Amino acid sequence: MSSDLTFNAHIDSIYSIALRVIGLTKRKADVGLDAIAKELGLEPITTRCLYNDVSFIYKLISGQLICPEFLQKINFRVLAFNSRYNPPFWVLQHSSNLIANNPKYRLLNHCNDIPNFDFCFDSLAKLKDIVMNSS
């Protein structure tokens, strides 16, 4: 196992192991992992996790999911002045990865990383297109 202990590196290693197993069961051990994923129509698991995180917040804000307890914990960022960087959500900065990997903060950080998307007025199809084409 590599020395990189980030969440995405761990997910990518699991994804590559799963693709190798699928390749062996299809008797294609010499074919690359990207070719197997393309043949099966699979997006990388990190992209799918990112889309699931961001679409959860989108559905929560648009009223498709009803969870007032979690919606109450989301802090919207309202700027007092014009700025070039306008993330939609305010996320508390943390000094440790333990708190930074909290699901609430992870979801909101992923949402802040989506460029040119308005969570109040844009469609879920546009969100999927942005996320799937960004990786």
N, C-alpha and C. Protein backbone atom coordinates (compact mmCIF):
# COMPACT_ATOMS: atom_id res chain seq x y z
N MET A 1 0.84 -1.18 0.00
CA MET A 1 0.00 0.00 0.00
C MET A 1 0.88 1.23 0.00
N SER A 2 0.45 2.28 -0.66
CA SER A 2 1.27 3.47 -0.77
C SER A 2 1.28 4.24 0.54
N SER A 3 2.20 5.17 0.64
CA SER A 3 2.31 5.96 1.86
C SER A 3 1.35 7.14 1.85
N ASP A 4 0.65 7.37 0.75
CA ASP A 4 -0.32 8.45 0.66
C ASP A 4 -1.61 8.02 1.35
N LEU A 5 -1.96 8.68 2.43
CA LEU A 5 -3.10 8.25 3.24
C LEU A 5 -4.32 9.14 3.07
N THR A 6 -4.43 9.84 1.95
CA THR A 6 -5.59 10.68 1.75
C THR A 6 -6.82 9.84 1.40
N PHE A 7 -7.97 10.43 1.57
CA PHE A 7 -9.22 9.74 1.31
C PHE A 7 -9.33 9.32 -0.15
N ASN A 8 -9.00 10.25 -1.07
CA ASN A 8 -9.11 9.95 -2.50
C ASN A 8 -8.12 8.87 -2.93
N ALA A 9 -6.91 8.87 -2.36
CA ALA A 9 -5.93 7.84 -2.71
C ALA A 9 -6.42 6.46 -2.26
N HIS A 10 -7.05 6.41 -1.11
CA HIS A 10 -7.58 5.14 -0.60
C HIS A 10 -8.72 4.65 -1.50
N ILE A 11 -9.62 5.54 -1.88
CA ILE A 11 -10.74 5.17 -2.76
C ILE A 11 -10.22 4.72 -4.12
N ASP A 12 -9.22 5.43 -4.67
CA ASP A 12 -8.66 5.06 -5.97
C ASP A 12 -8.00 3.68 -5.93
N SER A 13 -7.34 3.35 -4.82
CA SER A 13 -6.71 2.03 -4.72
C SER A 13 -7.77 0.93 -4.68
N ILE A 14 -8.87 1.17 -3.98
CA ILE A 14 -9.96 0.18 -3.94
C ILE A 14 -10.57 0.03 -5.33
N TYR A 15 -10.74 1.14 -6.03
CA TYR A 15 -11.31 1.13 -7.38
C TYR A 15 -10.42 0.33 -8.33
N SER A 16 -9.10 0.51 -8.25
CA SER A 16 -8.21 -0.22 -9.16
C SER A 16 -8.21 -1.71 -8.84
N ILE A 17 -8.32 -2.07 -7.57
CA ILE A 17 -8.39 -3.49 -7.20
C ILE A 17 -9.68 -4.10 -7.77
N ALA A 18 -10.79 -3.37 -7.64
CA ALA A 18 -12.07 -3.88 -8.16
C ALA A 18 -12.02 -4.06 -9.67
N LEU A 19 -11.38 -3.12 -10.37
CA LEU A 19 -11.28 -3.25 -11.83
C LEU A 19 -10.39 -4.42 -12.22
N ARG A 20 -9.33 -4.67 -11.46
CA ARG A 20 -8.49 -5.84 -11.75
C ARG A 20 -9.28 -7.13 -11.60
N VAL A 21 -10.08 -7.23 -10.55
CA VAL A 21 -10.90 -8.43 -10.33
C VAL A 21 -11.89 -8.59 -11.47
N ILE A 22 -12.52 -7.50 -11.88
CA ILE A 22 -13.47 -7.57 -13.01
C ILE A 22 -12.74 -8.00 -14.28
N GLY A 23 -11.53 -7.47 -14.50
CA GLY A 23 -10.75 -7.84 -15.68
C GLY A 23 -10.39 -9.31 -15.67
N LEU A 24 -10.05 -9.83 -14.49
CA LEU A 24 -9.71 -11.26 -14.40
C LEU A 24 -10.93 -12.14 -14.63
N THR A 25 -12.09 -11.70 -14.14
CA THR A 25 -13.28 -12.52 -14.35
C THR A 25 -13.74 -12.49 -15.80
N LYS A 26 -13.40 -11.43 -16.52
CA LYS A 26 -13.74 -11.35 -17.94
C LYS A 26 -12.61 -11.88 -18.80
N ARG A 27 -11.60 -12.46 -18.17
CA ARG A 27 -10.45 -13.05 -18.87
C ARG A 27 -9.67 -12.01 -19.67
N LYS A 28 -9.51 -10.84 -19.10
CA LYS A 28 -8.77 -9.77 -19.77
C LYS A 28 -7.71 -9.23 -18.83
N ALA A 29 -6.81 -10.06 -18.41
CA ALA A 29 -5.79 -9.65 -17.45
C ALA A 29 -4.78 -8.68 -18.06
N ASP A 30 -4.55 -8.75 -19.37
CA ASP A 30 -3.53 -7.91 -20.00
C ASP A 30 -4.07 -6.55 -20.45
N VAL A 31 -5.36 -6.31 -20.31
CA VAL A 31 -5.96 -5.05 -20.72
C VAL A 31 -5.84 -4.05 -19.57
N GLY A 32 -5.62 -2.78 -19.89
CA GLY A 32 -5.49 -1.75 -18.87
C GLY A 32 -6.78 -1.50 -18.12
N LEU A 33 -6.64 -0.91 -16.93
CA LEU A 33 -7.81 -0.66 -16.10
C LEU A 33 -8.75 0.37 -16.72
N ASP A 34 -8.19 1.35 -17.41
CA ASP A 34 -9.03 2.36 -18.05
C ASP A 34 -9.89 1.75 -19.15
N ALA A 35 -9.35 0.79 -19.87
CA ALA A 35 -10.12 0.13 -20.93
C ALA A 35 -11.28 -0.68 -20.34
N ILE A 36 -11.03 -1.34 -19.21
CA ILE A 36 -12.10 -2.12 -18.56
C ILE A 36 -13.20 -1.19 -18.07
N ALA A 37 -12.80 -0.08 -17.44
CA ALA A 37 -13.80 0.87 -16.94
C ALA A 37 -14.61 1.47 -18.08
N LYS A 38 -13.94 1.77 -19.20
CA LYS A 38 -14.65 2.35 -20.34
C LYS A 38 -15.62 1.34 -20.94
N GLU A 39 -15.20 0.07 -21.02
CA GLU A 39 -16.07 -0.98 -21.57
C GLU A 39 -17.31 -1.16 -20.71
N LEU A 40 -17.15 -1.05 -19.39
CA LEU A 40 -18.28 -1.23 -18.49
C LEU A 40 -19.07 0.06 -18.26
N GLY A 41 -18.57 1.18 -18.78
CA GLY A 41 -19.26 2.46 -18.61
C GLY A 41 -19.16 3.01 -17.21
N LEU A 42 -18.06 2.75 -16.53
CA LEU A 42 -17.88 3.20 -15.15
C LEU A 42 -17.10 4.50 -15.09
N GLU A 43 -17.58 5.41 -14.31
CA GLU A 43 -16.81 6.61 -13.98
C GLU A 43 -15.90 6.26 -12.81
N PRO A 44 -14.81 6.97 -12.64
CA PRO A 44 -13.97 6.72 -11.45
C PRO A 44 -14.78 6.91 -10.18
N ILE A 45 -14.47 6.11 -9.17
CA ILE A 45 -15.27 6.13 -7.94
C ILE A 45 -15.16 7.47 -7.22
N THR A 46 -14.02 8.15 -7.35
CA THR A 46 -13.90 9.47 -6.72
C THR A 46 -14.86 10.47 -7.36
N THR A 47 -15.06 10.36 -8.67
CA THR A 47 -16.00 11.24 -9.36
C THR A 47 -17.43 10.94 -8.92
N ARG A 48 -17.75 9.65 -8.79
CA ARG A 48 -19.10 9.29 -8.35
C ARG A 48 -19.36 9.73 -6.92
N CYS A 49 -18.36 9.60 -6.04
CA CYS A 49 -18.52 10.06 -4.65
C CYS A 49 -18.70 11.57 -4.60
N LEU A 50 -17.94 12.29 -5.41
CA LEU A 50 -18.07 13.75 -5.47
C LEU A 50 -19.47 14.13 -5.95
N TYR A 51 -19.96 13.48 -6.99
CA TYR A 51 -21.30 13.78 -7.50
C TYR A 51 -22.36 13.48 -6.45
N ASN A 52 -22.24 12.37 -5.75
CA ASN A 52 -23.22 12.02 -4.71
C ASN A 52 -23.22 13.05 -3.58
N ASP A 53 -22.03 13.51 -3.18
CA ASP A 53 -21.94 14.52 -2.13
C ASP A 53 -22.61 15.82 -2.55
N VAL A 54 -22.27 16.29 -3.74
CA VAL A 54 -22.77 17.57 -4.21
C VAL A 54 -24.27 17.50 -4.52
N SER A 55 -24.72 16.40 -5.10
CA SER A 55 -26.14 16.28 -5.42
C SER A 55 -26.99 16.17 -4.15
N PHE A 56 -26.43 15.61 -3.07
CA PHE A 56 -27.15 15.56 -1.80
C PHE A 56 -27.44 16.97 -1.29
N ILE A 57 -26.42 17.83 -1.31
CA ILE A 57 -26.61 19.21 -0.86
C ILE A 57 -27.58 19.94 -1.78
N TYR A 58 -27.45 19.72 -3.10
CA TYR A 58 -28.36 20.36 -4.06
C TYR A 58 -29.81 19.97 -3.78
N LYS A 59 -30.05 18.68 -3.58
CA LYS A 59 -31.42 18.21 -3.32
C LYS A 59 -31.94 18.71 -1.98
N LEU A 60 -31.05 18.86 -1.02
CA LEU A 60 -31.45 19.38 0.28
C LEU A 60 -31.87 20.84 0.18
N ILE A 61 -31.10 21.64 -0.56
CA ILE A 61 -31.40 23.06 -0.72
C ILE A 61 -32.64 23.27 -1.57
N SER A 62 -32.80 22.46 -2.63
CA SER A 62 -33.95 22.64 -3.53
C SER A 62 -35.25 22.07 -2.98
N GLY A 63 -35.21 21.40 -1.85
CA GLY A 63 -36.42 20.88 -1.24
C GLY A 63 -36.81 19.49 -1.69
N GLN A 64 -35.97 18.82 -2.48
CA GLN A 64 -36.27 17.45 -2.90
C GLN A 64 -36.06 16.46 -1.76
N LEU A 65 -35.15 16.80 -0.85
CA LEU A 65 -34.96 16.04 0.39
C LEU A 65 -35.41 16.91 1.54
N ILE A 66 -36.09 16.32 2.49
CA ILE A 66 -36.56 17.09 3.63
C ILE A 66 -35.81 16.62 4.88
N CYS A 67 -34.91 17.47 5.32
CA CYS A 67 -34.14 17.19 6.54
C CYS A 67 -33.81 18.53 7.19
N PRO A 68 -34.76 19.11 7.92
CA PRO A 68 -34.54 20.44 8.48
C PRO A 68 -33.38 20.49 9.48
N GLU A 69 -33.09 19.38 10.15
CA GLU A 69 -31.99 19.37 11.11
C GLU A 69 -30.65 19.60 10.42
N PHE A 70 -30.44 18.93 9.29
CA PHE A 70 -29.18 19.10 8.57
C PHE A 70 -29.15 20.43 7.81
N LEU A 71 -30.27 20.83 7.26
CA LEU A 71 -30.34 22.11 6.54
C LEU A 71 -30.05 23.28 7.47
N GLN A 72 -30.43 23.14 8.71
CA GLN A 72 -30.18 24.18 9.70
C GLN A 72 -28.68 24.34 10.00
N LYS A 73 -27.91 23.29 9.79
CA LYS A 73 -26.47 23.32 10.08
C LYS A 73 -25.63 23.86 8.92
N ILE A 74 -26.26 24.10 7.77
CA ILE A 74 -25.53 24.62 6.62
C ILE A 74 -25.44 26.13 6.73
N ASN A 75 -24.22 26.65 6.66
CA ASN A 75 -24.00 28.08 6.75
C ASN A 75 -23.76 28.65 5.36
N PHE A 76 -24.66 29.51 4.89
CA PHE A 76 -24.49 30.15 3.60
C PHE A 76 -23.57 31.35 3.76
N ARG A 77 -22.73 31.58 2.78
CA ARG A 77 -21.80 32.71 2.82
C ARG A 77 -22.44 33.88 2.11
N VAL A 78 -22.54 35.00 2.83
CA VAL A 78 -23.03 36.24 2.27
C VAL A 78 -21.90 37.25 2.39
N LEU A 79 -21.40 37.70 1.25
CA LEU A 79 -20.26 38.60 1.26
C LEU A 79 -20.71 40.04 1.50
N ALA A 80 -19.90 40.77 2.25
CA ALA A 80 -20.18 42.17 2.52
C ALA A 80 -19.59 43.08 1.44
N PHE A 81 -18.75 42.51 0.58
CA PHE A 81 -18.10 43.28 -0.47
C PHE A 81 -17.93 42.37 -1.69
N ASN A 82 -17.69 42.97 -2.85
CA ASN A 82 -17.48 42.18 -4.07
C ASN A 82 -16.11 41.52 -4.03
N SER A 83 -16.09 40.28 -4.42
CA SER A 83 -14.85 39.52 -4.42
C SER A 83 -14.86 38.59 -5.63
N ARG A 84 -13.69 38.21 -6.09
CA ARG A 84 -13.63 37.28 -7.22
C ARG A 84 -13.92 35.85 -6.79
N TYR A 85 -13.68 35.55 -5.51
CA TYR A 85 -13.92 34.21 -5.00
C TYR A 85 -15.19 34.25 -4.16
N ASN A 86 -16.24 33.63 -4.66
CA ASN A 86 -17.53 33.64 -3.98
C ASN A 86 -18.03 32.23 -3.72
N PRO A 87 -17.46 31.53 -2.75
CA PRO A 87 -18.00 30.20 -2.45
C PRO A 87 -19.39 30.33 -1.82
N PRO A 88 -20.30 29.43 -2.16
CA PRO A 88 -21.68 29.57 -1.67
C PRO A 88 -21.84 29.24 -0.18
N PHE A 89 -20.91 28.44 0.37
CA PHE A 89 -21.07 27.99 1.75
C PHE A 89 -19.87 28.40 2.60
N TRP A 90 -20.16 28.72 3.85
CA TRP A 90 -19.10 29.04 4.79
C TRP A 90 -18.70 27.76 5.50
N VAL A 91 -17.42 27.42 5.45
CA VAL A 91 -16.92 26.20 6.07
C VAL A 91 -15.85 26.58 7.08
N LEU A 92 -16.00 26.10 8.28
CA LEU A 92 -15.04 26.36 9.34
C LEU A 92 -13.71 25.70 9.00
N GLN A 93 -12.62 26.41 9.15
CA GLN A 93 -11.29 25.86 8.88
C GLN A 93 -10.82 25.05 10.09
N HIS A 94 -10.19 23.91 9.80
CA HIS A 94 -9.77 23.01 10.87
C HIS A 94 -8.28 22.75 10.79
N SER A 95 -7.70 22.51 11.94
CA SER A 95 -6.26 22.25 11.99
C SER A 95 -5.94 20.77 11.88
N SER A 96 -6.93 19.91 11.98
CA SER A 96 -6.66 18.47 11.90
C SER A 96 -7.56 17.84 10.83
N ASN A 97 -7.09 16.75 10.27
CA ASN A 97 -7.87 16.03 9.25
C ASN A 97 -9.05 15.30 9.85
N LEU A 98 -8.99 15.00 11.14
CA LEU A 98 -10.07 14.28 11.79
C LEU A 98 -11.37 15.07 11.70
N ILE A 99 -11.30 16.35 11.98
CA ILE A 99 -12.50 17.18 11.92
C ILE A 99 -12.79 17.58 10.48
N ALA A 100 -11.77 17.80 9.68
CA ALA A 100 -11.97 18.23 8.30
C ALA A 100 -12.65 17.14 7.47
N ASN A 101 -12.51 15.88 7.84
CA ASN A 101 -13.15 14.79 7.11
C ASN A 101 -14.54 14.47 7.63
N ASN A 102 -15.04 15.31 8.53
CA ASN A 102 -16.41 15.19 8.99
C ASN A 102 -17.32 15.29 7.77
N PRO A 103 -18.34 14.46 7.64
CA PRO A 103 -19.18 14.48 6.44
C PRO A 103 -19.77 15.85 6.11
N LYS A 104 -20.20 16.59 7.12
CA LYS A 104 -20.78 17.92 6.85
C LYS A 104 -19.77 18.83 6.17
N TYR A 105 -18.57 18.89 6.70
CA TYR A 105 -17.56 19.78 6.13
C TYR A 105 -17.06 19.27 4.78
N ARG A 106 -16.97 17.95 4.63
CA ARG A 106 -16.56 17.39 3.34
C ARG A 106 -17.57 17.73 2.25
N LEU A 107 -18.86 17.58 2.56
CA LEU A 107 -19.91 17.90 1.59
C LEU A 107 -19.85 19.37 1.17
N LEU A 108 -19.71 20.26 2.14
CA LEU A 108 -19.71 21.69 1.83
C LEU A 108 -18.44 22.10 1.10
N ASN A 109 -17.30 21.50 1.42
CA ASN A 109 -16.07 21.80 0.69
C ASN A 109 -16.17 21.36 -0.76
N HIS A 110 -16.78 20.19 -0.99
CA HIS A 110 -16.98 19.74 -2.37
C HIS A 110 -17.89 20.71 -3.12
N CYS A 111 -18.92 21.20 -2.47
CA CYS A 111 -19.82 22.15 -3.12
C CYS A 111 -19.12 23.46 -3.44
N ASN A 112 -18.23 23.90 -2.56
CA ASN A 112 -17.49 25.14 -2.81
C ASN A 112 -16.51 25.00 -3.97
N ASP A 113 -16.10 23.77 -4.28
CA ASP A 113 -15.15 23.53 -5.37
C ASP A 113 -15.80 23.45 -6.75
N ILE A 114 -17.12 23.44 -6.82
CA ILE A 114 -17.82 23.35 -8.10
C ILE A 114 -17.84 24.74 -8.74
N PRO A 115 -17.24 24.91 -9.92
CA PRO A 115 -17.20 26.24 -10.55
C PRO A 115 -18.49 26.55 -11.33
N ASN A 116 -18.88 27.79 -11.35
CA ASN A 116 -19.98 28.29 -12.19
C ASN A 116 -21.28 27.52 -12.02
N PHE A 117 -21.66 27.29 -10.77
CA PHE A 117 -22.92 26.59 -10.52
C PHE A 117 -23.66 27.30 -9.40
N ASP A 118 -24.92 27.59 -9.64
CA ASP A 118 -25.77 28.23 -8.64
C ASP A 118 -26.69 27.17 -8.05
N PHE A 119 -26.54 26.89 -6.77
CA PHE A 119 -27.30 25.82 -6.14
C PHE A 119 -28.79 26.15 -6.01
N CYS A 120 -29.16 27.39 -6.17
CA CYS A 120 -30.57 27.77 -6.05
C CYS A 120 -31.31 27.74 -7.39
N PHE A 121 -30.61 28.00 -8.49
CA PHE A 121 -31.32 28.20 -9.76
C PHE A 121 -30.92 27.23 -10.88
N ASP A 122 -29.77 26.59 -10.81
CA ASP A 122 -29.34 25.68 -11.88
C ASP A 122 -29.94 24.29 -11.67
N SER A 123 -29.91 23.48 -12.73
CA SER A 123 -30.53 22.15 -12.69
C SER A 123 -29.55 21.08 -12.24
N LEU A 124 -30.11 19.95 -11.84
CA LEU A 124 -29.29 18.81 -11.43
C LEU A 124 -28.53 18.23 -12.62
N ALA A 125 -29.10 18.32 -13.81
CA ALA A 125 -28.41 17.83 -15.02
C ALA A 125 -27.15 18.65 -15.29
N LYS A 126 -27.23 19.96 -15.08
CA LYS A 126 -26.04 20.80 -15.26
C LYS A 126 -24.99 20.46 -14.22
N LEU A 127 -25.42 20.19 -12.99
CA LEU A 127 -24.48 19.80 -11.94
C LEU A 127 -23.77 18.50 -12.30
N LYS A 128 -24.52 17.53 -12.79
CA LYS A 128 -23.91 16.25 -13.18
C LYS A 128 -22.92 16.44 -14.31
N ASP A 129 -23.27 17.27 -15.28
CA ASP A 129 -22.38 17.54 -16.39
C ASP A 129 -21.08 18.20 -15.92
N ILE A 130 -21.17 19.16 -15.01
CA ILE A 130 -19.98 19.84 -14.49
C ILE A 130 -19.10 18.87 -13.73
N VAL A 131 -19.69 18.06 -12.86
CA VAL A 131 -18.89 17.15 -12.03
C VAL A 131 -18.26 16.05 -12.87
N MET A 132 -19.02 15.46 -13.78
CA MET A 132 -18.49 14.34 -14.56
C MET A 132 -17.43 14.79 -15.57
N ASN A 133 -17.49 16.02 -16.02
CA ASN A 133 -16.50 16.51 -16.98
C ASN A 133 -15.30 17.19 -16.32
N SER A 134 -15.37 17.39 -15.01
CA SER A 134 -14.25 18.07 -14.34
C SER A 134 -13.10 17.14 -14.01
N SER A 135 -13.33 15.86 -14.01
CA SER A 135 -12.24 14.93 -13.65
C SER A 135 -11.54 14.36 -14.86
